[in-house]
Amino acid sequence: VVEGHLLVSPIREVEKMGDLTEEEVADLFKVVQKVEVFVQKFYGVSSSTISVQNGHLAGQSIPHVHVHILPRREDDFAQNDVYRELQEHDKVETGWRTEEEMVVEAKMLREAWEK
């Protein structure tokens, strides 16, 4: 959706937030907080969107809980409509990064995280 868009998932794969235990929710959002702080520093931004699409009608297209973290930049979405973009991003045939590009990005982020 935007450069630096990351997903954070719980260890146990479940369909909806209500399927997680209280401890799993707490652990998930502790990790989300750490990753969000890292993403803002890494990409040099001061804002981010954190989003959970919980169920099909909310735009969840992959049936397991995951939290989107999107570093935000000035004018990155028309009318700040990030949610429309989230609903459509995995339905578009063009614009996907290759597996190789994602491996390179993951390596770069992992190295920065470990510093």
Protein backbone atom coordinates (compact mmCIF):
# COMPACT_ATOMS: atom_id res chain seq x y z
CA VAL A 1 0.00 0.00 0.00
CA VAL A 2 2.88 2.36 0.95
CA GLU A 3 6.61 1.88 1.35
CA GLY A 4 7.20 0.35 4.77
CA HIS A 5 3.73 -1.22 5.09
CA LEU A 6 4.20 -4.12 7.49
CA LEU A 7 1.96 -6.77 9.00
CA VAL A 8 2.23 -8.10 12.53
CA SER A 9 0.52 -11.41 13.29
CA PRO A 10 0.08 -13.38 16.50
CA ILE A 11 1.93 -16.68 16.78
CA ARG A 12 -1.31 -18.67 16.90
CA GLU A 13 -3.30 -18.35 13.69
CA VAL A 14 -6.94 -17.42 14.35
CA GLU A 15 -9.56 -15.77 12.19
CA LYS A 16 -10.73 -12.89 14.39
CA MET A 17 -9.54 -10.80 17.34
CA GLY A 18 -12.16 -12.34 19.62
CA ASP A 19 -10.53 -15.75 19.05
CA LEU A 20 -7.32 -14.60 20.77
CA THR A 21 -6.78 -14.89 24.51
CA GLU A 22 -6.29 -11.71 26.53
CA GLU A 23 -2.60 -12.59 26.88
CA GLU A 24 -2.26 -13.05 23.11
CA VAL A 25 -3.90 -9.67 22.46
CA ALA A 26 -1.57 -7.99 24.95
CA ASP A 27 1.48 -9.66 23.40
CA LEU A 28 0.35 -8.78 19.86
CA PHE A 29 -0.07 -5.09 20.64
CA LYS A 30 3.19 -4.91 22.62
CA VAL A 31 4.90 -6.09 19.43
CA VAL A 32 2.83 -3.70 17.29
CA GLN A 33 3.96 -0.80 19.50
CA LYS A 34 7.65 -1.75 19.18
CA VAL A 35 7.41 -2.27 15.42
CA GLU A 36 5.53 1.00 14.92
CA VAL A 37 8.21 2.99 16.78
CA PHE A 38 10.91 1.24 14.71
CA VAL A 39 9.07 1.90 11.41
CA GLN A 40 8.70 5.62 12.15
CA LYS A 41 12.41 5.94 12.93
CA PHE A 42 13.54 3.77 10.01
CA TYR A 43 11.43 5.58 7.40
CA GLY A 44 11.86 9.03 8.97
CA VAL A 45 8.17 9.74 9.46
CA SER A 46 6.25 11.14 12.41
CA SER A 47 2.90 9.43 11.87
CA SER A 48 1.52 6.00 11.08
CA THR A 49 -1.75 4.19 10.63
CA ILE A 50 -2.33 1.04 12.67
CA SER A 51 -5.28 -0.99 11.46
CA VAL A 52 -7.03 -4.32 12.01
CA GLN A 53 -9.66 -5.45 9.54
CA ASN A 54 -11.64 -7.85 11.70
CA GLY A 55 -13.88 -9.94 9.46
CA HIS A 56 -14.91 -9.98 5.82
CA LEU A 57 -17.22 -6.95 5.96
CA ALA A 58 -14.38 -4.93 7.51
CA GLY A 59 -12.21 -5.71 4.47
CA GLN A 60 -10.29 -8.67 5.90
CA SER A 61 -9.24 -10.68 2.85
CA ILE A 62 -6.88 -13.11 4.58
CA PRO A 63 -8.74 -15.09 7.25
CA HIS A 64 -6.28 -14.66 10.09
CA VAL A 65 -5.65 -11.83 12.53
CA HIS A 66 -2.99 -9.37 11.42
CA VAL A 67 -2.28 -5.75 12.20
CA HIS A 68 -1.30 -3.34 9.43
CA ILE A 69 1.33 -0.71 10.22
CA LEU A 70 1.68 1.97 7.55
CA PRO A 71 4.21 4.78 7.86
CA ARG A 72 2.42 7.91 6.67
CA ARG A 73 3.72 10.75 4.53
CA GLU A 74 2.19 14.04 3.45
CA ASP A 75 -0.46 13.50 0.70
CA ASP A 76 0.19 9.74 0.45
CA PHE A 77 -3.55 9.02 -0.02
CA ALA A 78 -6.19 11.09 -1.76
CA GLN A 79 -8.50 12.47 0.93
CA ASN A 80 -6.57 10.38 3.48
CA ASP A 81 -8.55 7.31 2.35
CA VAL A 82 -6.10 4.66 3.53
CA TYR A 83 -8.91 2.23 4.36
CA ARG A 84 -10.18 2.05 0.79
CA GLU A 85 -6.62 1.33 -0.33
CA LEU A 86 -6.25 -1.41 2.29
CA GLN A 87 -9.43 -3.08 1.03
CA GLU A 88 -8.22 -3.04 -2.57
CA HIS A 89 -4.45 -3.57 -2.34
CA ASP A 90 -4.45 -7.36 -2.52
CA LYS A 91 -6.95 -7.47 -5.38
CA VAL A 92 -4.75 -5.60 -7.86
CA GLU A 93 -2.75 -7.61 -10.37
CA THR A 94 -0.11 -4.96 -11.01
CA GLY A 95 2.26 -3.18 -8.71
CA TRP A 96 3.14 -6.15 -6.53
CA ARG A 97 6.72 -6.42 -5.42
CA THR A 98 8.55 -9.55 -6.43
CA GLU A 99 9.52 -12.23 -3.94
CA GLU A 100 13.15 -11.17 -4.40
CA GLU A 101 12.34 -7.52 -3.62
CA MET A 102 10.52 -8.53 -0.44
CA VAL A 103 13.47 -10.71 0.64
CA VAL A 104 15.85 -7.77 0.17
CA GLU A 105 13.53 -5.46 2.12
CA ALA A 106 13.12 -8.00 4.93
CA LYS A 107 16.91 -8.40 5.18
CA MET A 108 17.39 -4.62 5.31
CA LEU A 109 14.74 -4.21 8.03
CA ARG A 110 16.07 -7.15 10.03
CA GLU A 111 19.59 -5.70 10.01
CA ALA A 112 18.32 -2.28 11.11
CA TRP A 113 16.15 -3.85 13.84
CA GLU A 114 19.15 -5.71 15.28
CA LYS A 115 21.27 -2.53 15.61
